[in-house]
All heavy atoms as atom14 arrays in JSON, in Angstrom:
{
  "sequence": "IEGFKLWVSGKENVESTRGGEPYWEGKENGRTA",
  "atom14_mask": [
    [1, 1, 1, 1, 1, 1, 1, 1, 0, 0, 0, 0, 0, 0],
    [1, 1, 1, 1, 1, 1, 1, 1, 1, 0, 0, 0, 0, 0],
    [1, 1, 1, 1, 0, 0, 0, 0, 0, 0, 0, 0, 0, 0],
    [1, 1, 1, 1, 1, 1, 1, 1, 1, 1, 1, 0, 0, 0],
    [1, 1, 1, 1, 1, 1, 1, 1, 1, 0, 0, 0, 0, 0],
    [1, 1, 1, 1, 1, 1, 1, 1, 0, 0, 0, 0, 0, 0],
    [1, 1, 1, 1, 1, 1, 1, 1, 1, 1, 1, 1, 1, 1],
    [1, 1, 1, 1, 1, 1, 1, 0, 0, 0, 0, 0, 0, 0],
    [1, 1, 1, 1, 1, 1, 0, 0, 0, 0, 0, 0, 0, 0],
    [1, 1, 1, 1, 0, 0, 0, 0, 0, 0, 0, 0, 0, 0],
    [1, 1, 1, 1, 1, 1, 1, 1, 1, 0, 0, 0, 0, 0],
    [1, 1, 1, 1, 1, 1, 1, 1, 1, 0, 0, 0, 0, 0],
    [1, 1, 1, 1, 1, 1, 1, 1, 0, 0, 0, 0, 0, 0],
    [1, 1, 1, 1, 1, 1, 1, 0, 0, 0, 0, 0, 0, 0],
    [1, 1, 1, 1, 1, 1, 1, 1, 1, 0, 0, 0, 0, 0],
    [1, 1, 1, 1, 1, 1, 0, 0, 0, 0, 0, 0, 0, 0],
    [1, 1, 1, 1, 1, 1, 1, 0, 0, 0, 0, 0, 0, 0],
    [1, 1, 1, 1, 1, 1, 1, 1, 1, 1, 1, 0, 0, 0],
    [1, 1, 1, 1, 0, 0, 0, 0, 0, 0, 0, 0, 0, 0],
    [1, 1, 1, 1, 0, 0, 0, 0, 0, 0, 0, 0, 0, 0],
    [1, 1, 1, 1, 1, 1, 1, 1, 1, 0, 0, 0, 0, 0],
    [1, 1, 1, 1, 1, 1, 1, 0, 0, 0, 0, 0, 0, 0],
    [1, 1, 1, 1, 1, 1, 1, 1, 1, 1, 1, 1, 0, 0],
    [1, 1, 1, 1, 1, 1, 1, 1, 1, 1, 1, 1, 1, 1],
    [1, 1, 1, 1, 1, 1, 1, 1, 1, 0, 0, 0, 0, 0],
    [1, 1, 1, 1, 0, 0, 0, 0, 0, 0, 0, 0, 0, 0],
    [1, 1, 1, 1, 1, 1, 1, 1, 1, 0, 0, 0, 0, 0],
    [1, 1, 1, 1, 1, 1, 1, 1, 1, 0, 0, 0, 0, 0],
    [1, 1, 1, 1, 1, 1, 1, 1, 0, 0, 0, 0, 0, 0],
    [1, 1, 1, 1, 0, 0, 0, 0, 0, 0, 0, 0, 0, 0],
    [1, 1, 1, 1, 1, 1, 1, 1, 1, 1, 1, 0, 0, 0],
    [1, 1, 1, 1, 1, 1, 1, 0, 0, 0, 0, 0, 0, 0],
    [1, 1, 1, 1, 1, 0, 0, 0, 0, 0, 0, 0, 0, 0]
  ],
  "atom14_positions": [
    [[53.48, -146.13, -35.79], [53.72, -146.8, -34.55], [52.48, -147.62, -34.08], [52.61, -148.68, -33.49], [54.19, -145.84, -33.41], [54.76, -146.58, -32.19], [53.12, -144.85, -33.1], [55.91, -147.46, -32.45], [0.0, 0.0, 0.0], [0.0, 0.0, 0.0], [0.0, 0.0, 0.0], [0.0, 0.0, 0.0], [0.0, 0.0, 0.0], [0.0, 0.0, 0.0]],
    [[51.3, -147.0, -34.29], [50.09, -147.71, -33.9], [49.93, -148.96, -34.73], [49.53, -150.0, -34.17], [48.84, -146.79, -34.05], [48.85, -145.69, -33.19], [48.78, -146.12, -31.62], [48.18, -147.11, -31.38], [49.46, -145.47, -30.81], [0.0, 0.0, 0.0], [0.0, 0.0, 0.0], [0.0, 0.0, 0.0], [0.0, 0.0, 0.0], [0.0, 0.0, 0.0]],
    [[50.27, -148.95, -36.0], [50.24, -150.06, -36.91], [51.18, -151.19, -36.41], [50.79, -152.35, -36.43], [0.0, 0.0, 0.0], [0.0, 0.0, 0.0], [0.0, 0.0, 0.0], [0.0, 0.0, 0.0], [0.0, 0.0, 0.0], [0.0, 0.0, 0.0], [0.0, 0.0, 0.0], [0.0, 0.0, 0.0], [0.0, 0.0, 0.0], [0.0, 0.0, 0.0]],
    [[52.32, -150.64, -36.07], [53.4, -151.63, -35.59], [52.91, -152.33, -34.31], [53.07, -153.57, -34.11], [54.72, -150.9, -35.31], [55.82, -151.76, -34.78], [56.41, -152.74, -35.53], [56.24, -151.56, -33.52], [57.38, -153.52, -35.14], [57.27, -152.36, -33.03], [57.86, -153.37, -33.88], [0.0, 0.0, 0.0], [0.0, 0.0, 0.0], [0.0, 0.0, 0.0]],
    [[52.31, -151.56, -33.32], [51.81, -152.1, -32.11], [50.68, -153.12, -32.35], [50.59, -154.25, -31.67], [51.35, -151.02, -31.18], [52.49, -150.2, -30.58], [52.09, -148.82, -30.14], [51.01, -148.84, -29.08], [50.69, -147.49, -28.55], [0.0, 0.0, 0.0], [0.0, 0.0, 0.0], [0.0, 0.0, 0.0], [0.0, 0.0, 0.0], [0.0, 0.0, 0.0]],
    [[49.82, -152.89, -33.3], [48.72, -153.78, -33.57], [49.37, -155.06, -34.23], [48.89, -156.24, -33.91], [47.79, -153.16, -34.66], [46.79, -152.15, -34.09], [46.05, -151.44, -35.28], [45.8, -152.83, -33.15], [0.0, 0.0, 0.0], [0.0, 0.0, 0.0], [0.0, 0.0, 0.0], [0.0, 0.0, 0.0], [0.0, 0.0, 0.0], [0.0, 0.0, 0.0]],
    [[50.31, -154.97, -35.03], [50.96, -156.1, -35.73], [51.64, -156.99, -34.61], [51.41, -158.23, -34.63], [52.09, -155.68, -36.68], [52.8, -156.78, -37.29], [52.49, -157.61, -38.33], [54.12, -157.13, -36.89], [53.44, -158.47, -38.59], [54.5, -158.27, -37.75], [55.04, -156.71, -35.97], [55.74, -158.94, -37.62], [56.27, -157.33, -35.87], [56.64, -158.46, -36.6]],
    [[52.34, -156.33, -33.68], [52.97, -157.13, -32.53], [51.91, -157.82, -31.69], [52.06, -158.9, -31.38], [53.86, -156.17, -31.63], [54.27, -156.94, -30.36], [55.01, -155.62, -32.51], [0.0, 0.0, 0.0], [0.0, 0.0, 0.0], [0.0, 0.0, 0.0], [0.0, 0.0, 0.0], [0.0, 0.0, 0.0], [0.0, 0.0, 0.0], [0.0, 0.0, 0.0]],
    [[50.83, -157.14, -31.44], [49.72, -157.68, -30.67], [49.13, -158.94, -31.26], [48.84, -159.93, -30.74], [48.61, -156.65, -30.35], [47.55, -157.25, -29.66], [0.0, 0.0, 0.0], [0.0, 0.0, 0.0], [0.0, 0.0, 0.0], [0.0, 0.0, 0.0], [0.0, 0.0, 0.0], [0.0, 0.0, 0.0], [0.0, 0.0, 0.0], [0.0, 0.0, 0.0]],
    [[48.89, -158.78, -32.61], [48.24, -159.9, -33.36], [49.27, -161.07, -33.42], [48.84, -162.21, -33.39], [0.0, 0.0, 0.0], [0.0, 0.0, 0.0], [0.0, 0.0, 0.0], [0.0, 0.0, 0.0], [0.0, 0.0, 0.0], [0.0, 0.0, 0.0], [0.0, 0.0, 0.0], [0.0, 0.0, 0.0], [0.0, 0.0, 0.0], [0.0, 0.0, 0.0]],
    [[50.56, -160.81, -33.59], [51.51, -161.84, -33.58], [51.62, -162.58, -32.29], [51.71, -163.87, -32.3], [52.86, -161.2, -33.96], [54.04, -162.14, -34.01], [55.34, -161.37, -34.52], [56.56, -162.32, -34.43], [56.55, -163.34, -35.42], [0.0, 0.0, 0.0], [0.0, 0.0, 0.0], [0.0, 0.0, 0.0], [0.0, 0.0, 0.0], [0.0, 0.0, 0.0]],
    [[51.49, -161.86, -31.15], [51.49, -162.46, -29.87], [50.25, -163.39, -29.7], [50.36, -164.48, -29.05], [51.56, -161.39, -28.85], [52.89, -160.75, -28.7], [52.92, -159.61, -27.71], [51.93, -159.19, -27.23], [54.07, -159.09, -27.42], [0.0, 0.0, 0.0], [0.0, 0.0, 0.0], [0.0, 0.0, 0.0], [0.0, 0.0, 0.0], [0.0, 0.0, 0.0]],
    [[49.15, -162.89, -30.13], [47.91, -163.68, -30.0], [47.99, -164.98, -30.76], [47.56, -165.96, -30.24], [46.66, -162.86, -30.45], [46.31, -161.79, -29.52], [46.61, -161.87, -28.3], [45.64, -160.8, -29.94], [0.0, 0.0, 0.0], [0.0, 0.0, 0.0], [0.0, 0.0, 0.0], [0.0, 0.0, 0.0], [0.0, 0.0, 0.0], [0.0, 0.0, 0.0]],
    [[48.48, -164.94, -32.03], [48.63, -166.14, -32.78], [49.59, -167.14, -32.09], [49.35, -168.31, -32.04], [49.19, -165.85, -34.15], [49.58, -167.08, -34.96], [48.08, -165.03, -35.03], [0.0, 0.0, 0.0], [0.0, 0.0, 0.0], [0.0, 0.0, 0.0], [0.0, 0.0, 0.0], [0.0, 0.0, 0.0], [0.0, 0.0, 0.0], [0.0, 0.0, 0.0]],
    [[50.68, -166.65, -31.61], [51.65, -167.49, -30.93], [51.13, -168.06, -29.63], [51.42, -169.23, -29.43], [52.96, -166.71, -30.76], [53.72, -166.45, -32.02], [54.99, -165.54, -31.85], [55.17, -165.07, -30.68], [55.73, -165.31, -32.79], [0.0, 0.0, 0.0], [0.0, 0.0, 0.0], [0.0, 0.0, 0.0], [0.0, 0.0, 0.0], [0.0, 0.0, 0.0]],
    [[50.43, -167.29, -28.92], [49.88, -167.88, -27.67], [48.75, -168.83, -27.94], [48.68, -169.87, -27.21], [49.27, -166.67, -26.82], [48.09, -166.11, -27.37], [0.0, 0.0, 0.0], [0.0, 0.0, 0.0], [0.0, 0.0, 0.0], [0.0, 0.0, 0.0], [0.0, 0.0, 0.0], [0.0, 0.0, 0.0], [0.0, 0.0, 0.0], [0.0, 0.0, 0.0]],
    [[48.0, -168.74, -29.04], [47.0, -169.75, -29.41], [47.73, -170.99, -29.76], [47.24, -172.12, -29.43], [46.17, -169.23, -30.58], [45.53, -167.96, -30.16], [45.06, -170.23, -30.93], [0.0, 0.0, 0.0], [0.0, 0.0, 0.0], [0.0, 0.0, 0.0], [0.0, 0.0, 0.0], [0.0, 0.0, 0.0], [0.0, 0.0, 0.0], [0.0, 0.0, 0.0]],
    [[48.82, -170.96, -30.49], [49.51, -172.15, -31.0], [49.99, -172.85, -29.67], [50.15, -174.08, -29.68], [50.68, -171.81, -31.86], [50.23, -171.39, -33.26], [51.47, -170.79, -33.99], [51.02, -170.34, -35.33], [51.78, -169.61, -36.12], [53.01, -169.2, -35.63], [51.44, -169.17, -37.27], [0.0, 0.0, 0.0], [0.0, 0.0, 0.0], [0.0, 0.0, 0.0]],
    [[50.38, -172.17, -28.67], [50.97, -172.84, -27.45], [49.86, -173.3, -26.5], [50.16, -173.83, -25.42], [0.0, 0.0, 0.0], [0.0, 0.0, 0.0], [0.0, 0.0, 0.0], [0.0, 0.0, 0.0], [0.0, 0.0, 0.0], [0.0, 0.0, 0.0], [0.0, 0.0, 0.0], [0.0, 0.0, 0.0], [0.0, 0.0, 0.0], [0.0, 0.0, 0.0]],
    [[48.65, -173.2, -26.85], [47.53, -173.63, -26.02], [46.47, -172.57, -25.79], [46.08, -171.91, -26.79], [0.0, 0.0, 0.0], [0.0, 0.0, 0.0], [0.0, 0.0, 0.0], [0.0, 0.0, 0.0], [0.0, 0.0, 0.0], [0.0, 0.0, 0.0], [0.0, 0.0, 0.0], [0.0, 0.0, 0.0], [0.0, 0.0, 0.0], [0.0, 0.0, 0.0]],
    [[45.96, -172.42, -24.6], [44.87, -171.44, -24.34], [45.44, -169.98, -24.57], [46.51, -169.67, -24.16], [44.34, -171.64, -22.99], [43.54, -172.85, -22.75], [42.85, -172.93, -21.42], [43.26, -172.03, -20.57], [41.96, -173.71, -21.19], [0.0, 0.0, 0.0], [0.0, 0.0, 0.0], [0.0, 0.0, 0.0], [0.0, 0.0, 0.0], [0.0, 0.0, 0.0]],
    [[44.56, -169.17, -25.12], [44.95, -167.71, -25.25], [44.87, -167.12, -23.8], [44.18, -167.61, -22.89], [43.94, -167.15, -26.24], [42.71, -167.89, -26.01], [43.27, -169.41, -25.71], [0.0, 0.0, 0.0], [0.0, 0.0, 0.0], [0.0, 0.0, 0.0], [0.0, 0.0, 0.0], [0.0, 0.0, 0.0], [0.0, 0.0, 0.0], [0.0, 0.0, 0.0]],
    [[45.42, -165.93, -23.74], [45.32, -165.12, -22.44], [44.18, -164.17, -22.58], [43.88, -163.67, -23.67], [46.58, -164.32, -22.21], [46.46, -163.38, -21.07], [46.57, -163.84, -19.74], [46.27, -162.01, -21.3], [46.44, -162.94, -18.66], [45.98, -161.17, -20.24], [46.12, -161.68, -18.97], [45.97, -160.76, -17.88], [0.0, 0.0, 0.0], [0.0, 0.0, 0.0]],
    [[43.42, -163.94, -21.55], [42.45, -162.85, -21.47], [42.65, -162.17, -20.08], [43.15, -162.71, -19.17], [41.09, -163.36, -21.58], [40.55, -164.43, -20.56], [40.09, -164.14, -19.35], [40.65, -165.9, -20.74], [39.78, -165.27, -18.68], [40.14, -166.39, -19.59], [41.07, -166.66, -21.79], [39.99, -167.76, -19.37], [40.92, -168.02, -21.58], [40.4, -168.63, -20.35]],
    [[42.26, -160.9, -20.12], [42.42, -160.0, -18.91], [41.65, -160.66, -17.69], [40.5, -160.97, -17.8], [41.84, -158.64, -19.24], [42.15, -157.7, -18.09], [41.63, -156.23, -18.42], [40.95, -156.13, -19.39], [42.04, -155.36, -17.73], [0.0, 0.0, 0.0], [0.0, 0.0, 0.0], [0.0, 0.0, 0.0], [0.0, 0.0, 0.0], [0.0, 0.0, 0.0]],
    [[42.4, -160.78, -16.56], [41.8, -161.33, -15.44], [41.89, -162.81, -15.28], [41.47, -163.44, -14.25], [0.0, 0.0, 0.0], [0.0, 0.0, 0.0], [0.0, 0.0, 0.0], [0.0, 0.0, 0.0], [0.0, 0.0, 0.0], [0.0, 0.0, 0.0], [0.0, 0.0, 0.0], [0.0, 0.0, 0.0], [0.0, 0.0, 0.0], [0.0, 0.0, 0.0]],
    [[42.42, -163.49, -16.31], [42.51, -164.95, -16.23], [43.26, -165.5, -15.01], [42.94, -166.46, -14.37], [43.24, -165.47, -17.51], [43.21, -166.98, -17.65], [43.93, -167.39, -18.96], [43.94, -168.91, -19.1], [44.5, -169.26, -20.45], [0.0, 0.0, 0.0], [0.0, 0.0, 0.0], [0.0, 0.0, 0.0], [0.0, 0.0, 0.0], [0.0, 0.0, 0.0]],
    [[44.37, -164.73, -14.65], [45.24, -165.19, -13.57], [44.5, -165.02, -12.23], [44.89, -165.61, -11.22], [46.57, -164.35, -13.58], [46.33, -162.92, -13.29], [46.02, -162.02, -14.4], [45.64, -162.58, -15.48], [45.98, -160.75, -14.33], [0.0, 0.0, 0.0], [0.0, 0.0, 0.0], [0.0, 0.0, 0.0], [0.0, 0.0, 0.0], [0.0, 0.0, 0.0]],
    [[43.43, -164.14, -12.15], [42.69, -164.03, -10.95], [41.36, -164.89, -10.95], [40.56, -164.59, -10.15], [42.33, -162.56, -10.82], [43.59, -161.72, -10.64], [44.46, -162.1, -9.99], [43.61, -160.52, -11.28], [0.0, 0.0, 0.0], [0.0, 0.0, 0.0], [0.0, 0.0, 0.0], [0.0, 0.0, 0.0], [0.0, 0.0, 0.0], [0.0, 0.0, 0.0]],
    [[41.22, -165.85, -11.93], [40.11, -166.72, -11.92], [38.96, -166.33, -12.78], [37.91, -166.93, -12.79], [0.0, 0.0, 0.0], [0.0, 0.0, 0.0], [0.0, 0.0, 0.0], [0.0, 0.0, 0.0], [0.0, 0.0, 0.0], [0.0, 0.0, 0.0], [0.0, 0.0, 0.0], [0.0, 0.0, 0.0], [0.0, 0.0, 0.0], [0.0, 0.0, 0.0]],
    [[39.18, -165.25, -13.62], [38.08, -164.87, -14.46], [37.81, -165.86, -15.51], [38.77, -166.39, -16.15], [38.41, -163.47, -15.2], [37.29, -162.98, -16.0], [37.78, -161.78, -16.84], [36.6, -161.1, -17.58], [36.75, -160.32, -18.52], [37.91, -160.0, -18.97], [35.7, -159.86, -19.08], [0.0, 0.0, 0.0], [0.0, 0.0, 0.0], [0.0, 0.0, 0.0]],
    [[36.58, -166.25, -15.76], [36.26, -167.36, -16.63], [36.32, -167.01, -18.12], [36.23, -165.82, -18.51], [34.81, -167.91, -16.38], [33.85, -166.87, -16.63], [34.67, -168.29, -14.92], [0.0, 0.0, 0.0], [0.0, 0.0, 0.0], [0.0, 0.0, 0.0], [0.0, 0.0, 0.0], [0.0, 0.0, 0.0], [0.0, 0.0, 0.0], [0.0, 0.0, 0.0]],
    [[36.41, -167.99, -18.95], [36.38, -167.74, -20.46], [35.06, -167.23, -20.81], [34.98, -166.41, -21.7], [36.69, -169.11, -21.14], [0.0, 0.0, 0.0], [0.0, 0.0, 0.0], [0.0, 0.0, 0.0], [0.0, 0.0, 0.0], [0.0, 0.0, 0.0], [0.0, 0.0, 0.0], [0.0, 0.0, 0.0], [0.0, 0.0, 0.0], [0.0, 0.0, 0.0]]
  ]
}
């Protein structure tokens, strides 16, 4: 299950990068890159 969760996380990161900027914690509150 941990491997599956890592795979899903990696897949989401790749897809978010293709769509533009990646997400990082606190981004929505103005945290800088």
